[in-house]
Protein backbone atom coordinates (compact mmCIF):
# COMPACT_ATOMS: atom_id res chain seq x y z
CA MET A 1 56.20 -63.50 7.66
CA LYS A 2 54.27 -63.91 10.90
CA LEU A 3 53.64 -60.85 13.06
CA ARG A 4 52.60 -60.56 16.69
CA VAL A 5 49.47 -58.40 16.80
CA VAL A 6 47.95 -57.03 20.00
CA LEU A 7 44.17 -56.73 20.22
CA PRO A 8 42.27 -54.21 22.36
CA PRO A 9 41.70 -55.30 25.98
CA LEU A 10 39.38 -58.35 26.10
CA LYS A 11 38.53 -61.07 28.58
CA ASP A 12 39.09 -63.78 26.00
CA ILE A 13 40.90 -63.93 22.68
CA ASN A 14 37.70 -65.00 20.87
CA GLU A 15 35.37 -62.53 22.57
CA TYR A 16 35.59 -60.02 19.71
CA LYS A 17 33.46 -62.34 17.58
CA HIS A 18 30.39 -61.84 19.75
CA VAL A 19 27.97 -58.93 19.85
CA HIS A 20 26.35 -58.34 23.23
CA LYS A 21 22.74 -57.08 23.41
CA GLY A 22 23.00 -54.74 20.48
CA ILE A 23 26.42 -53.22 21.19
CA ALA A 24 28.70 -52.94 18.18
CA SER A 25 32.07 -54.46 19.07
CA PRO A 26 34.98 -52.05 18.51
CA GLU A 27 37.26 -55.07 18.85
CA ALA A 28 35.48 -56.74 15.94
CA ILE A 29 35.92 -53.57 13.88
CA ASP A 30 39.65 -53.43 14.62
CA ILE A 31 40.25 -57.13 14.01
CA ARG A 32 38.44 -57.00 10.65
CA PHE A 33 40.53 -53.99 9.70
CA MET A 34 43.69 -55.82 10.76
CA GLU A 35 42.69 -58.94 8.78
CA LEU A 36 42.20 -56.77 5.71
CA ILE A 37 45.67 -55.24 6.17
CA ALA A 38 47.23 -58.71 6.63
CA GLN A 39 45.53 -59.98 3.49
CA LEU A 40 46.67 -57.06 1.35
CA MET A 41 50.23 -57.06 2.73
CA GLY A 42 50.55 -60.83 2.66
CA PHE A 43 51.53 -61.67 6.25
CA SER A 44 50.12 -64.02 8.88
CA TYR A 45 49.68 -63.05 12.51
CA GLN A 46 49.47 -64.25 16.08
CA LEU A 47 46.81 -62.57 18.23
CA MET A 48 47.77 -61.34 21.70
CA LEU A 49 46.04 -59.50 24.55
CA PRO A 50 47.39 -57.04 27.12
CA VAL A 51 47.54 -58.88 30.43
CA ASP A 52 46.66 -55.82 32.51
CA GLY A 53 43.74 -54.87 30.27
CA GLN A 54 45.05 -51.37 29.53
CA PHE A 55 45.79 -49.41 26.39
CA GLY A 56 48.97 -47.87 27.72
CA VAL A 57 49.96 -45.03 30.05
CA ALA A 58 53.42 -43.92 31.19
CA GLN A 59 54.62 -44.92 34.64
CA GLN A 60 57.08 -43.04 36.85
CA ASN A 61 59.98 -45.23 35.71
CA GLY A 62 59.33 -44.36 32.06
CA ASN A 63 57.84 -47.70 31.10
CA PHE A 64 54.32 -48.02 29.72
CA THR A 65 51.48 -50.30 30.70
CA GLY A 66 49.12 -52.23 28.44
CA ILE A 67 49.45 -52.43 24.67
CA ILE A 68 52.06 -49.70 24.37
CA GLY A 69 54.17 -51.43 27.03
CA MET A 70 54.10 -54.74 25.15
CA ILE A 71 55.35 -53.09 21.96
CA GLN A 72 57.93 -51.12 23.95
CA ARG A 73 59.30 -54.35 25.48
CA ASP A 74 59.44 -55.98 22.03
CA GLU A 75 56.71 -58.47 23.00
CA ALA A 76 54.59 -57.47 19.98
CA ASP A 77 55.12 -56.06 16.49
CA LEU A 78 52.03 -53.92 16.06
CA SER A 79 48.57 -53.21 17.39
CA VAL A 80 45.37 -52.25 15.64
CA ALA A 81 43.39 -51.19 18.72
CA HIS A 82 42.00 -47.73 17.91
CA LEU A 83 44.99 -46.17 19.64
CA ALA A 84 45.46 -42.43 19.89
CA ILE A 85 48.73 -40.78 18.87
CA ASN A 86 50.30 -38.55 21.51
CA ILE A 87 53.73 -37.21 22.25
CA HIS A 88 54.35 -39.52 25.22
CA ARG A 89 53.65 -42.70 23.26
CA LEU A 90 55.79 -41.51 20.35
CA GLN A 91 58.81 -41.58 22.67
CA VAL A 92 58.70 -45.38 22.91
CA VAL A 93 56.80 -46.66 19.83
CA ASP A 94 56.20 -45.69 16.22
CA PHE A 95 52.85 -45.01 14.63
CA SER A 96 51.57 -45.40 11.11
CA GLU A 97 49.81 -42.62 9.28
CA THR A 98 46.41 -41.64 10.65
CA TYR A 99 43.52 -43.74 9.35
CA TRP A 100 40.74 -42.27 11.52
CA ILE A 101 39.91 -39.08 13.43
CA GLU A 102 38.09 -39.81 16.66
CA ASP A 103 36.01 -37.74 19.10
CA LEU A 104 36.20 -38.29 22.82
CA THR A 105 32.70 -37.94 24.23
CA PHE A 106 30.47 -39.47 26.91
CA MET A 107 27.32 -41.54 27.23
CA THR A 108 24.66 -41.43 29.94
CA GLU A 109 21.27 -42.89 30.61
CA LEU A 110 18.31 -40.79 29.53
CA SER A 111 16.92 -38.59 32.28
CA PRO A 112 13.75 -39.78 34.07
CA LEU A 113 10.29 -38.77 32.95
CA LEU A 114 8.72 -35.63 34.33
CA PRO A 115 6.02 -36.25 36.98
CA LYS A 116 2.53 -36.16 35.51
CA THR A 117 0.92 -34.61 38.56
CA TYR A 118 1.43 -31.08 37.24
CA PHE A 119 1.54 -31.88 33.54
CA TYR A 120 -1.11 -29.23 32.83
CA THR A 121 1.40 -26.52 33.73
CA TYR A 122 4.12 -27.78 31.34
CA PRO A 123 2.84 -26.25 28.04
CA PHE A 124 3.80 -22.74 29.21
CA SER A 125 6.84 -21.60 31.12
CA LEU A 126 6.45 -19.81 34.44
CA GLY A 127 7.18 -16.43 32.86
CA LEU A 128 4.59 -17.00 30.15
CA TRP A 129 1.98 -18.07 32.71
CA LEU A 130 2.55 -14.91 34.76
CA ALA A 131 2.49 -12.68 31.68
CA PHE A 132 -0.65 -14.34 30.35
CA LEU A 133 -2.59 -14.09 33.63
CA SER A 134 -1.45 -10.48 34.15
CA VAL A 135 -2.69 -9.46 30.70
CA MET A 136 -5.98 -11.28 31.31
CA ILE A 137 -6.66 -9.61 34.66
CA ILE A 138 -5.56 -6.11 33.61
CA THR A 139 -7.61 -6.25 30.41
CA THR A 140 -10.68 -7.45 32.31
CA PHE A 141 -10.41 -4.55 34.77
CA PHE A 142 -10.44 -2.15 31.81
CA LEU A 143 -13.45 -3.93 30.31
CA LEU A 144 -15.35 -4.03 33.60
CA PRO A 145 -14.63 -0.80 35.40
CA GLY A 146 -16.20 -0.54 38.81
CA GLU A 147 -16.86 -4.29 39.11
CA SER A 148 -15.78 -6.32 42.12
CA VAL A 149 -12.70 -8.47 42.19
CA GLY A 150 -14.84 -11.61 42.22
CA THR A 151 -16.66 -10.55 39.05
CA VAL A 152 -13.36 -9.84 37.32
CA LEU A 153 -11.92 -13.22 38.30
CA MET A 154 -15.02 -15.06 37.11
CA THR A 155 -14.80 -13.21 33.79
CA VAL A 156 -11.17 -14.24 33.44
CA LEU A 157 -12.10 -17.87 34.12
CA ARG A 158 -14.86 -17.73 31.53
CA GLY A 159 -12.36 -16.39 29.02
CA LEU A 160 -9.91 -19.18 29.81
CA SER A 161 -12.63 -21.82 29.36
CA ARG A 162 -13.70 -20.21 26.06
CA GLN A 163 -17.22 -19.46 27.26
CA SER A 164 -19.37 -16.40 26.55
CA VAL A 165 -18.82 -13.09 28.30
CA ASN A 166 -21.19 -10.21 28.90
CA GLU A 167 -20.61 -8.03 25.84
CA ARG A 168 -22.97 -5.36 27.25
CA SER A 169 -20.27 -4.40 29.72
CA ALA A 170 -18.32 -2.87 26.80
CA LYS A 171 -20.36 0.32 26.40
CA THR A 172 -17.91 2.44 24.43
CA VAL A 173 -16.31 1.88 21.04
CA SER A 174 -12.83 1.67 22.56
CA ARG A 175 -13.94 -1.02 25.01
CA LYS A 176 -15.67 -2.97 22.24
CA ILE A 177 -12.47 -2.93 20.19
CA MET A 178 -10.58 -4.09 23.29
CA LEU A 179 -13.16 -6.84 23.82
CA ILE A 180 -12.77 -8.12 20.24
CA HIS A 181 -9.00 -8.43 20.58
CA TRP A 182 -9.34 -9.83 24.09
CA LEU A 183 -11.63 -12.60 22.79
CA TRP A 184 -9.24 -13.33 19.94
CA PHE A 185 -6.30 -13.42 22.36
CA THR A 186 -7.95 -15.83 24.81
CA ASN A 187 -9.19 -18.07 22.00
CA TYR A 188 -5.73 -18.25 20.38
CA VAL A 189 -3.95 -18.93 23.68
CA THR A 190 -6.37 -21.65 24.78
CA ILE A 191 -6.17 -23.40 21.40
CA SER A 192 -2.36 -23.31 21.59
CA TYR A 193 -2.45 -24.61 25.15
CA CYS A 194 -4.73 -27.54 24.23
CA ALA A 195 -2.59 -28.49 21.24
CA ILE A 196 0.64 -28.48 23.26
CA LEU A 197 -1.01 -30.28 26.17
CA LEU A 198 -2.18 -33.07 23.87
CA SER A 199 1.34 -33.56 22.53
CA PHE A 200 2.68 -33.71 26.09
CA LEU A 201 0.15 -36.40 26.96
CA THR A 202 0.97 -38.54 23.94
CA VAL A 203 4.78 -38.13 24.10
CA PRO A 204 6.24 -38.44 27.63
CA LEU A 205 8.45 -35.55 28.72
CA ARG A 206 11.82 -36.00 30.39
CA ASN A 207 13.79 -33.85 32.76
CA LYS A 208 16.65 -31.92 31.23
CA GLY A 209 19.56 -34.28 31.63
CA VAL A 210 23.30 -33.97 31.18
CA GLU A 211 23.74 -33.34 27.46
CA THR A 212 26.91 -31.26 27.11
CA ILE A 213 30.39 -31.31 28.58
CA GLU A 214 29.58 -28.15 30.50
CA ASP A 215 26.56 -29.89 32.03
CA LEU A 216 28.67 -32.92 32.95
CA CYS A 217 31.42 -30.84 34.58
CA ARG A 218 28.82 -28.96 36.61
CA ALA A 219 27.02 -32.16 37.65
CA VAL A 220 30.28 -33.84 38.71
CA LYS A 221 31.30 -30.77 40.67
CA GLU A 222 27.94 -30.74 42.45
CA GLY A 223 28.21 -34.45 43.24
CA SER A 224 25.10 -35.56 41.35
CA TYR A 225 27.08 -37.42 38.66
CA LYS A 226 30.22 -39.48 38.37
CA ALA A 227 32.29 -39.86 35.21
CA LEU A 228 34.21 -43.03 34.33
CA VAL A 229 37.27 -42.93 32.05
CA PRO A 230 38.74 -46.01 30.32
CA LYS A 231 41.24 -47.74 32.57
CA GLY A 232 44.84 -47.31 31.46
CA SER A 233 44.10 -44.87 28.63
CA PHE A 234 45.37 -41.41 27.74
CA VAL A 235 42.02 -39.79 28.63
CA LEU A 236 42.71 -38.88 32.25
CA ASN A 237 46.11 -37.34 31.52
CA SER A 238 44.59 -35.34 28.65
CA LEU A 239 41.97 -33.90 30.99
CA LEU A 240 44.55 -33.04 33.65
CA ARG A 241 46.72 -31.24 31.07
CA SER A 242 43.84 -29.44 29.37
CA ASP A 243 44.00 -25.69 28.79
CA ASN A 244 40.41 -25.46 30.02
CA VAL A 245 40.22 -24.85 33.78
CA ASP A 246 36.88 -26.67 34.13
CA LEU A 247 38.26 -29.77 32.40
CA ARG A 248 41.33 -29.77 34.64
CA GLU A 249 39.12 -29.62 37.73
CA PHE A 250 36.93 -32.29 36.18
CA GLY A 251 39.98 -34.52 35.70
CA LYS A 252 41.14 -33.96 39.28
CA VAL A 253 37.78 -35.12 40.64
CA ILE A 254 37.99 -38.27 38.50
CA LYS A 255 41.55 -38.97 39.64
CA ASN A 256 40.81 -38.42 43.34
CA ASN A 257 37.79 -40.73 43.24
CA HIS A 258 39.49 -43.38 41.02
CA TRP A 259 36.58 -43.34 38.59
CA GLU A 260 37.53 -45.83 35.87
CA HIS A 261 35.78 -48.47 33.82
CA ASP A 262 37.38 -51.67 32.66
CA THR A 263 37.02 -51.90 28.88
CA ARG A 264 37.14 -55.70 29.16
CA LYS A 265 33.72 -55.65 30.80
CA GLU A 266 30.47 -54.99 28.99
CA ILE A 267 29.58 -51.34 28.99
CA ASP A 268 26.08 -52.00 30.30
CA ASN A 269 27.67 -52.97 33.64
CA TYR A 270 28.29 -49.26 34.17
CA PHE A 271 25.12 -48.06 32.48
CA GLU A 272 22.93 -46.37 35.09
CA TYR A 273 21.45 -42.98 35.79
CA GLY A 274 23.94 -40.63 37.41
CA THR A 275 26.93 -42.22 35.66
CA ALA A 276 28.65 -40.93 32.53
CA VAL A 277 30.90 -43.31 30.59
CA ILE A 278 33.65 -41.48 28.69
CA GLY A 279 35.02 -43.04 25.54
CA ALA A 280 35.45 -42.92 21.79
CA LYS A 281 32.36 -41.76 19.91
CA MET A 282 32.81 -44.62 17.44
CA LYS A 283 32.38 -47.09 20.28
CA LEU A 284 29.62 -45.29 22.19
CA SER A 285 27.61 -44.58 19.04
CA GLY A 286 27.48 -48.32 18.42
CA VAL A 287 25.71 -48.83 21.74
CA THR A 288 22.01 -49.34 21.08
CA LEU A 289 20.94 -50.06 24.64
CA PRO A 290 17.51 -48.73 25.65
CA ARG A 291 17.57 -45.25 27.21
CA SER A 292 21.17 -44.57 26.18
CA PHE A 293 22.19 -41.05 25.21
CA VAL A 294 25.48 -40.13 23.51
CA SER A 295 26.49 -36.49 23.74
CA LYS A 296 27.28 -34.51 20.61
CA ASP A 297 30.02 -32.62 22.45
CA SER A 298 33.67 -33.65 22.34
CA PHE A 299 36.33 -33.34 25.03
CA ILE A 300 39.07 -33.61 22.43
CA ILE A 301 39.54 -34.80 18.84
CA TYR A 302 42.50 -37.10 18.34
CA PRO A 303 44.13 -39.05 15.48
CA VAL A 304 43.99 -42.85 15.44
CA ALA A 305 46.76 -44.98 13.94
CA VAL A 306 48.43 -48.38 14.06
CA ALA A 307 51.03 -48.67 16.85
CA LEU A 308 54.29 -50.15 15.52
CA ASN A 309 57.41 -51.63 17.01
CA ARG A 310 60.46 -49.51 16.15
CA ARG A 311 61.91 -52.60 14.43
CA PHE A 312 58.88 -53.05 12.18
CA CYS A 313 60.17 -53.50 8.65
CA CYS A 314 57.28 -52.39 6.46
CA LYS A 315 56.15 -49.02 7.82
CA LYS A 316 56.38 -47.23 4.47
CA ARG A 317 54.44 -49.95 2.68
CA LEU A 318 51.81 -49.95 5.44
CA ASN A 319 51.34 -46.17 5.18
CA VAL A 320 50.77 -46.40 1.42
CA LEU A 321 48.18 -49.12 1.98
CA LEU A 322 46.41 -47.13 4.73
CA ARG A 323 46.12 -44.09 2.49
CA LYS A 324 44.48 -46.21 -0.20
CA MET A 325 42.12 -47.83 2.30
CA GLU A 326 41.19 -44.47 3.76
CA GLY A 327 40.45 -43.09 0.31
CA ALA A 328 38.24 -46.09 -0.45
CA GLY A 329 36.33 -45.69 2.83
CA LEU A 330 36.97 -49.27 3.90
CA TYR A 331 37.24 -48.52 7.62
CA GLN A 332 33.93 -46.63 7.58
CA LYS A 333 32.36 -49.55 5.71
CA ILE A 334 33.47 -51.98 8.43
CA ILE A 335 32.05 -49.70 11.12
CA ASP A 336 28.68 -49.44 9.36
CA GLU A 337 28.47 -53.21 8.91
CA GLU A 338 29.21 -53.90 12.57
CA ARG A 339 26.64 -51.34 13.70
CA PHE A 340 24.05 -52.91 11.43
CA LYS A 341 24.89 -56.30 12.89
CA ALA A 342 24.45 -54.87 16.39
CA LYS A 343 20.99 -53.55 15.50
CA LEU A 344 19.95 -56.98 14.24
CA VAL A 345 21.13 -58.57 17.48
CA LYS A 346 19.24 -55.93 19.45
CA GLN A 347 16.02 -56.63 17.57
CA ASN A 348 16.43 -60.35 18.18
CA PHE A 349 17.11 -59.68 21.85
CA LYS A 350 13.91 -57.60 22.07
CA SER A 351 11.80 -60.24 20.35
CA ASN A 352 13.00 -62.89 22.81
CA SER A 353 12.45 -60.69 25.84
CA ILE A 354 9.31 -61.24 27.88
CA ASP A 355 8.93 -57.54 28.55
CA HIS A 356 8.87 -56.71 24.86
CA GLN A 357 6.40 -59.47 24.04
CA LYS A 358 3.71 -57.65 25.99
CA VAL A 359 1.29 -55.61 23.94
CA GLN A 360 1.85 -51.96 24.73
CA ASN A 361 -1.19 -49.87 25.53
CA PHE A 362 -0.90 -46.24 24.51
CA SER A 363 -4.28 -45.12 25.88
CA LEU A 364 -4.39 -42.57 28.68
CA SER A 365 -4.54 -43.92 32.22
CA ILE A 366 -5.58 -42.45 35.56
CA ASP A 367 -1.91 -41.62 36.23
CA ASP A 368 -1.85 -39.36 33.16
CA LEU A 369 -4.78 -37.29 34.45
CA TYR A 370 -4.04 -37.49 38.15
CA GLY A 371 -3.33 -33.76 38.40
CA VAL A 372 -6.66 -32.81 36.80
CA PHE A 373 -8.60 -35.04 39.17
CA ALA A 374 -6.67 -33.58 42.10
CA MET A 375 -7.65 -30.05 41.04
CA LEU A 376 -11.29 -31.16 40.62
CA MET A 377 -11.39 -32.63 44.12
CA ALA A 378 -9.78 -29.49 45.54
CA GLY A 379 -12.47 -27.41 43.83
CA TYR A 380 -15.21 -29.63 45.21
CA ILE A 381 -13.82 -29.30 48.72
CA ALA A 382 -13.56 -25.50 48.41
CA SER A 383 -17.09 -25.21 47.05
CA GLY A 384 -18.39 -27.44 49.84
CA VAL A 385 -16.78 -25.23 52.45
CA ALA A 386 -18.21 -22.12 50.81
CA LEU A 387 -21.67 -23.68 50.57
CA SER A 388 -21.65 -24.65 54.24
CA VAL A 389 -20.91 -21.02 55.11
CA ILE A 390 -23.68 -19.72 52.86
CA GLU A 391 -26.24 -22.16 54.32
CA ASN A 392 -26.12 -20.19 57.55
CA ASN A 393 -27.86 -17.36 55.71
CA GLN A 394 -31.04 -18.53 53.94
CA GLU A 395 -31.49 -15.27 52.05
CA MET A 396 -27.98 -15.41 50.61
CA LEU A 397 -28.49 -19.01 49.52
CA THR A 398 -31.70 -18.08 47.69
CA LEU A 399 -29.91 -15.21 45.95
CA VAL A 400 -27.07 -17.48 44.80
CA ILE A 401 -29.54 -20.01 43.35
CA ILE A 402 -31.33 -17.27 41.40
CA ILE A 403 -28.07 -15.89 40.01
CA VAL A 404 -26.80 -19.34 38.97
CA ALA A 405 -30.08 -20.20 37.27
CA SER A 406 -30.15 -16.93 35.32
CA ARG A 407 -26.53 -17.21 34.23
CA ALA A 408 -26.96 -20.83 33.14
CA THR A 409 -29.41 -19.78 30.44
CA LYS A 410 -26.94 -17.28 28.97
CA VAL A 411 -23.79 -19.45 28.87
CA ARG A 412 -22.72 -20.40 25.38
CA SER A 413 -19.74 -22.64 24.63
CA PHE A 414 -17.03 -21.14 22.42
CA PHE A 415 -15.73 -24.54 21.33
CA SER A 416 -17.64 -24.36 18.05
CA LEU A 417 -16.75 -20.74 17.28
CA SER A 418 -13.97 -19.83 14.89
CA LEU A 419 -11.91 -16.66 14.83
CA ASP A 420 -14.14 -15.32 12.05
CA ASP A 421 -17.17 -15.72 14.32
CA LEU A 422 -15.40 -13.76 17.05
CA TYR A 423 -14.52 -10.91 14.71
CA GLY A 424 -18.04 -11.00 13.22
CA GLY A 425 -19.61 -10.71 16.64
CA GLY A 426 -17.25 -7.91 17.57
CA LEU A 427 -18.06 -5.94 14.41
CA ALA A 428 -21.78 -6.36 15.10
CA MET A 429 -21.27 -4.84 18.55
CA LEU A 430 -19.47 -1.90 16.97
CA VAL A 431 -22.36 -1.30 14.57
CA GLU A 432 -24.89 -1.46 17.43
CA GLY A 433 -22.78 0.99 19.40
C-alpha cells in the first residue's frame, strides 16, 4: 500500500534533510516520525508539498488552503506536519489521536546592552539611591549639629569613600552610638555597591526587553514592535477569537498590517530587533541563533495530531500505534536528536566563522569606564573654576592651603578596616566618653 503524504511547507522536497546555521528542522522531525510510522505499519509513501506554502485555513467558500485543502480535495491521504486540531478543520478532515501537546509562543532578539556611560548608577535603583543619600545627610546633621552645609556634605562624601571621620564631633554617648552604626551602615553599603558594580562590569547588562505576552501586546500597541504569525495557519484566527480582549486587539493589529512570515523561508530572515516571530515552542526552542530569546509564556496550548483523509482505511490501527509510540517517548527522542544535531552544526558554523576565530579580550576598556572619567573631568573643571575665584583673595587661598595640609595628615583609608575594627573603635569612644 502506497500513501500520499504531505510534508510541512518547504521550498524543496529534499530541504528537510538540511540543518541551517544551528536551527533544528521541524520538517526533519516530522518526516522521521512519519518514516517510523510507515515502517511499523508496513506501507510505502509518496512525499508531497502544499503548493501555496500554507498549513490550512478556511476560505469564504468553505474550502481550505494548504495541507488541509489538499486532504479535503482528496489529493493526499495524510499529513504529519505538526498540525493543530481545531473544530474548523474537523469539519473537512479526520485526525488521529493526539501525539503531542504544543505551546504557541514567540521569539525575539535579545534587547540591546545598557549604555556604559552611567553604569556606576546601575547597582542601586533610583529609590534606593534617594533613600541612601537621605539617610546619610540626615544622620550627618545629627552627628554634626551647628556645622555648615559644606562641612556636612564633605563628611557624607568621606563616609561614601570609606575614609576617616572626625569622631570628636560625637561628644555625647547617644551620638557616639549613632556614629558607630553610621560607620557600619556606610561600610556595608559601599562594600555591597562595589561588589555589584564589579559584576556589572564583568557581565554586560541589557535593557528589559519583551519577555511576556503582556509585554508583546503592549509593545505592538505602542508601535515599537511587530509580530509575525505563520502564513496560512490557525494562529491568527485563534487570536481574533480569543476570550482575552488584549489578544483580540493584538490579533486585529496583526491582521490590519498583514504581518505574516513564510514558513518556507529560514527563520533568521525575520530575526531582528523589534520583531517577534510567533510559532510552536518546539520549533522556536530548536533555534540556536545568537541573541535569540524564546518566551516562556504561551498564547494557547493545542493538541497535535496526524491529519487524515476521511477515506483513510487504517485510522484505528494508527491510533493504537501512536499510543504505543507516545508511551515509549519516541517523538521526544526524535526532537532531542534533531536539536543535538542543530547544536553540532552551530558549533561548526562558529568555528568556520571569521568573527568567532578572533581571540576575545575580556579586559576592561576605556568604554567601560567612560562615565567615571567623565565625572573626574567634570570635577576637575569645577575645582578649577572654584580655584580661579579663590585666587582673587590671597588670604582665602592661604587659609585653604593650611586647612588641606592639616586634614591630609589625619586622613586614614578605611579599605583595610573590617566591621570588627569599626565596632572596636566605636566601643573605645564610648569608654573614653
